[in-house]
Amino acid sequence: MPHRAYRLRHVSHSRGFSLLELLIVLVIFAIMASIAVPSFQSLRQHQQLTDASNELVAALRLARGEAIMREAEVTLSPATGKGWAQGWRIADKDKNTVVVHEPLPAQLSVGGENAQPPDEVTFDDLGYPDADGEWRLSHAGLSGDASRQVCLTMTGRAYVAEQDDENGEECDA
């Protein structure tokens, strides 16, 4: 049996990373991350805008569905009376709340120069709204052209308007 000191001297040494190599990799990673962060931020802002517009369309469709299912009027209105950006609520004809949506993120706004959303929308027992409506959602961190327009037709169809490069987003007449 070989001596213990002999075994310790002949143990193969596996080499790891040196401190200098590790620092170089970290610096490269930091540079790449600093380049990527602004584009991720813009992507996140666009996604917030898309999510909020889709949630408003879903609320309009839910209110319409509830009106048809209950065979009674159902109203979609701002939750606090301070505007659509503060959230919205769906209530039946007896003012019983069906659903309340939380406020939108602080950077999002609803309305604008050309599109003033209705104060509230009431669907009758057949699912027809009392008026058509347009909601323009925009994000403070994005350029002025970056917005989404939610449309409600007189037949009760709710949708997000398609982007038109020449005229911006427009609801069907």
Protein backbone atom coordinates (compact mmCIF):
# COMPACT_ATOMS: atom_id res chain seq x y z
CA MET A 1 0.00 0.00 0.00
CA PRO A 2 1.54 3.32 -1.03
CA HIS A 3 2.35 5.93 1.52
CA ARG A 4 -0.24 8.68 2.16
CA ALA A 5 2.11 11.51 1.15
CA TYR A 6 2.65 9.76 -2.17
CA ARG A 7 -1.09 9.67 -2.85
CA LEU A 8 -1.51 13.38 -2.06
CA ARG A 9 1.26 14.39 -4.46
CA HIS A 10 -0.15 12.38 -7.35
CA VAL A 11 -3.78 13.43 -7.07
CA SER A 12 -4.75 15.01 -10.37
CA HIS A 13 -5.48 18.69 -10.01
CA SER A 14 -8.53 19.91 -11.90
CA ARG A 15 -8.20 23.46 -13.05
CA GLY A 16 -11.05 25.98 -12.50
CA PHE A 17 -11.58 29.53 -13.70
CA SER A 18 -9.21 32.19 -12.59
CA LEU A 19 -10.52 35.36 -11.02
CA LEU A 20 -9.50 37.36 -14.10
CA GLU A 21 -11.45 35.06 -16.44
CA LEU A 22 -14.52 35.31 -14.24
CA LEU A 23 -14.34 39.12 -14.16
CA ILE A 24 -14.04 39.33 -17.95
CA VAL A 25 -17.15 37.17 -18.39
CA LEU A 26 -19.06 39.31 -15.88
CA VAL A 27 -18.07 42.54 -17.68
CA ILE A 28 -19.21 41.13 -21.03
CA PHE A 29 -22.50 40.03 -19.48
CA ALA A 30 -23.03 43.49 -17.93
CA ILE A 31 -22.41 45.22 -21.27
CA MET A 32 -24.88 42.92 -23.06
CA ALA A 33 -27.50 43.43 -20.34
CA SER A 34 -27.18 47.22 -20.49
CA ILE A 35 -27.81 47.10 -24.24
CA ALA A 36 -30.84 44.80 -23.91
CA VAL A 37 -32.66 46.51 -21.01
CA PRO A 38 -34.14 49.48 -22.95
CA SER A 39 -35.67 47.21 -25.59
CA PHE A 40 -37.18 44.99 -22.90
CA GLN A 41 -38.65 48.06 -21.22
CA SER A 42 -40.36 49.15 -24.44
CA LEU A 43 -41.63 45.61 -24.97
CA ARG A 44 -43.06 45.57 -21.44
CA GLN A 45 -44.84 48.91 -22.00
CA HIS A 46 -46.37 47.69 -25.27
CA GLN A 47 -47.49 44.52 -23.50
CA GLN A 48 -49.14 46.51 -20.69
CA LEU A 49 -51.04 48.52 -23.29
CA THR A 50 -52.14 45.40 -25.15
CA ASP A 51 -53.18 43.66 -21.92
CA ALA A 52 -55.26 46.63 -20.76
CA SER A 53 -57.08 46.95 -24.09
CA ASN A 54 -57.79 43.22 -24.18
CA GLU A 55 -59.11 43.34 -20.61
CA LEU A 56 -61.49 46.18 -21.53
CA VAL A 57 -62.76 44.21 -24.55
CA ALA A 58 -63.24 41.19 -22.29
CA ALA A 59 -65.21 43.32 -19.82
CA LEU A 60 -67.47 44.64 -22.60
CA ARG A 61 -68.07 41.11 -23.84
CA LEU A 62 -68.72 39.85 -20.30
CA ALA A 63 -71.23 42.63 -19.63
CA ARG A 64 -73.03 41.81 -22.88
CA GLY A 65 -73.03 38.09 -22.07
CA GLU A 66 -74.37 38.73 -18.57
CA ALA A 67 -77.19 40.88 -19.99
CA ILE A 68 -78.21 38.14 -22.40
CA MET A 69 -77.90 35.39 -19.79
CA ARG A 70 -79.86 37.31 -17.12
CA GLU A 71 -82.34 38.67 -19.67
CA ALA A 72 -81.95 42.03 -17.97
CA GLU A 73 -79.95 45.23 -18.31
CA VAL A 74 -76.29 45.14 -17.28
CA THR A 75 -74.09 48.23 -17.05
CA LEU A 76 -70.35 48.65 -17.48
CA SER A 77 -69.05 51.86 -15.89
CA PRO A 78 -65.89 53.32 -14.33
CA ALA A 79 -65.43 51.79 -10.88
CA THR A 80 -64.90 55.02 -8.96
CA GLY A 81 -66.46 57.65 -11.19
CA LYS A 82 -62.97 59.14 -11.69
CA GLY A 83 -62.46 57.65 -15.14
CA TRP A 84 -61.87 54.35 -16.86
CA ALA A 85 -58.17 54.23 -15.92
CA GLN A 86 -59.24 53.78 -12.28
CA GLY A 87 -60.84 50.45 -13.17
CA TRP A 88 -64.39 49.48 -14.08
CA ARG A 89 -67.32 47.54 -12.72
CA ILE A 90 -70.11 45.49 -14.19
CA ALA A 91 -73.43 45.78 -12.37
CA ASP A 92 -76.91 44.38 -12.95
CA LYS A 93 -80.10 46.45 -13.16
CA ASP A 94 -80.42 46.47 -9.35
CA LYS A 95 -76.89 47.95 -9.06
CA ASN A 96 -75.50 44.69 -7.68
CA THR A 97 -71.86 44.38 -8.66
CA VAL A 98 -71.03 41.40 -10.85
CA VAL A 99 -67.31 42.11 -11.46
CA VAL A 100 -64.87 44.86 -10.47
CA HIS A 101 -61.65 45.40 -12.43
CA GLU A 102 -58.67 46.88 -10.60
CA PRO A 103 -57.14 50.20 -11.72
CA LEU A 104 -54.81 50.18 -14.69
CA PRO A 105 -51.07 50.74 -14.14
CA ALA A 106 -50.28 54.40 -13.42
CA GLN A 107 -48.60 54.98 -16.79
CA LEU A 108 -51.75 54.03 -18.73
CA SER A 109 -54.49 56.50 -19.56
CA VAL A 110 -57.90 56.16 -21.21
CA GLY A 111 -59.31 58.86 -23.46
CA GLY A 112 -57.54 61.57 -25.33
CA GLU A 113 -58.08 64.45 -27.69
CA ASN A 114 -60.23 62.73 -30.28
CA ALA A 115 -61.74 59.81 -28.37
CA GLN A 116 -63.81 60.47 -25.28
CA PRO A 117 -65.16 57.20 -23.90
CA PRO A 118 -68.79 57.06 -22.81
CA ASP A 119 -69.62 57.61 -19.14
CA GLU A 120 -71.12 54.12 -19.01
CA VAL A 121 -72.51 51.46 -21.33
CA THR A 122 -75.76 49.65 -20.61
CA PHE A 123 -76.60 46.44 -22.47
CA ASP A 124 -80.26 45.46 -22.81
CA ASP A 125 -81.62 41.93 -22.42
CA LEU A 126 -80.78 41.15 -26.07
CA GLY A 127 -77.17 42.32 -25.71
CA TYR A 128 -77.49 45.62 -27.55
CA PRO A 129 -75.69 48.61 -26.00
CA ASP A 130 -77.45 51.93 -25.44
CA ALA A 131 -74.72 53.65 -27.50
CA ASP A 132 -71.58 52.82 -29.41
CA GLY A 133 -68.29 53.82 -27.89
CA GLU A 134 -64.57 54.29 -28.35
CA TRP A 135 -61.86 54.04 -25.73
CA ARG A 136 -58.31 55.09 -26.64
CA LEU A 137 -55.69 53.64 -24.30
CA SER A 138 -52.18 55.07 -24.29
CA HIS A 139 -48.99 54.58 -22.31
CA ALA A 140 -47.00 57.55 -20.98
CA GLY A 141 -43.68 55.81 -21.68
CA LEU A 142 -44.38 55.26 -25.37
CA SER A 143 -44.45 57.69 -28.26
CA GLY A 144 -47.72 59.46 -29.16
CA ASP A 145 -48.59 57.01 -31.95
CA ALA A 146 -48.44 54.01 -29.64
CA SER A 147 -52.00 53.55 -28.47
CA ARG A 148 -54.83 51.05 -28.74
CA GLN A 149 -58.40 51.84 -29.58
CA VAL A 150 -61.20 49.69 -28.17
CA CYS A 151 -64.43 49.90 -30.15
CA LEU A 152 -68.02 48.99 -29.35
CA THR A 153 -70.57 48.87 -32.17
CA MET A 154 -74.33 49.37 -31.90
CA THR A 155 -74.78 45.61 -32.32
CA GLY A 156 -72.69 44.99 -29.19
CA ARG A 157 -69.49 43.83 -30.89
CA ALA A 158 -66.40 44.86 -28.89
CA TYR A 159 -62.93 44.71 -30.44
CA VAL A 160 -59.51 46.35 -30.60
CA ALA A 161 -59.21 48.37 -33.83
CA GLU A 162 -56.61 47.27 -36.33
CA GLN A 163 -53.63 49.57 -36.89
CA ASP A 164 -53.85 51.55 -40.13
CA ASP A 165 -50.48 53.08 -41.09
CA GLU A 166 -52.07 56.06 -42.85
CA ASN A 167 -54.79 57.06 -40.39
CA GLY A 168 -53.87 55.36 -37.15
CA GLU A 169 -56.45 53.14 -35.50
CA GLU A 170 -60.08 53.64 -36.44
CA CYS A 171 -63.30 52.04 -35.32
CA ASP A 172 -65.61 50.86 -38.09
CA ALA A 173 -68.42 53.26 -38.77
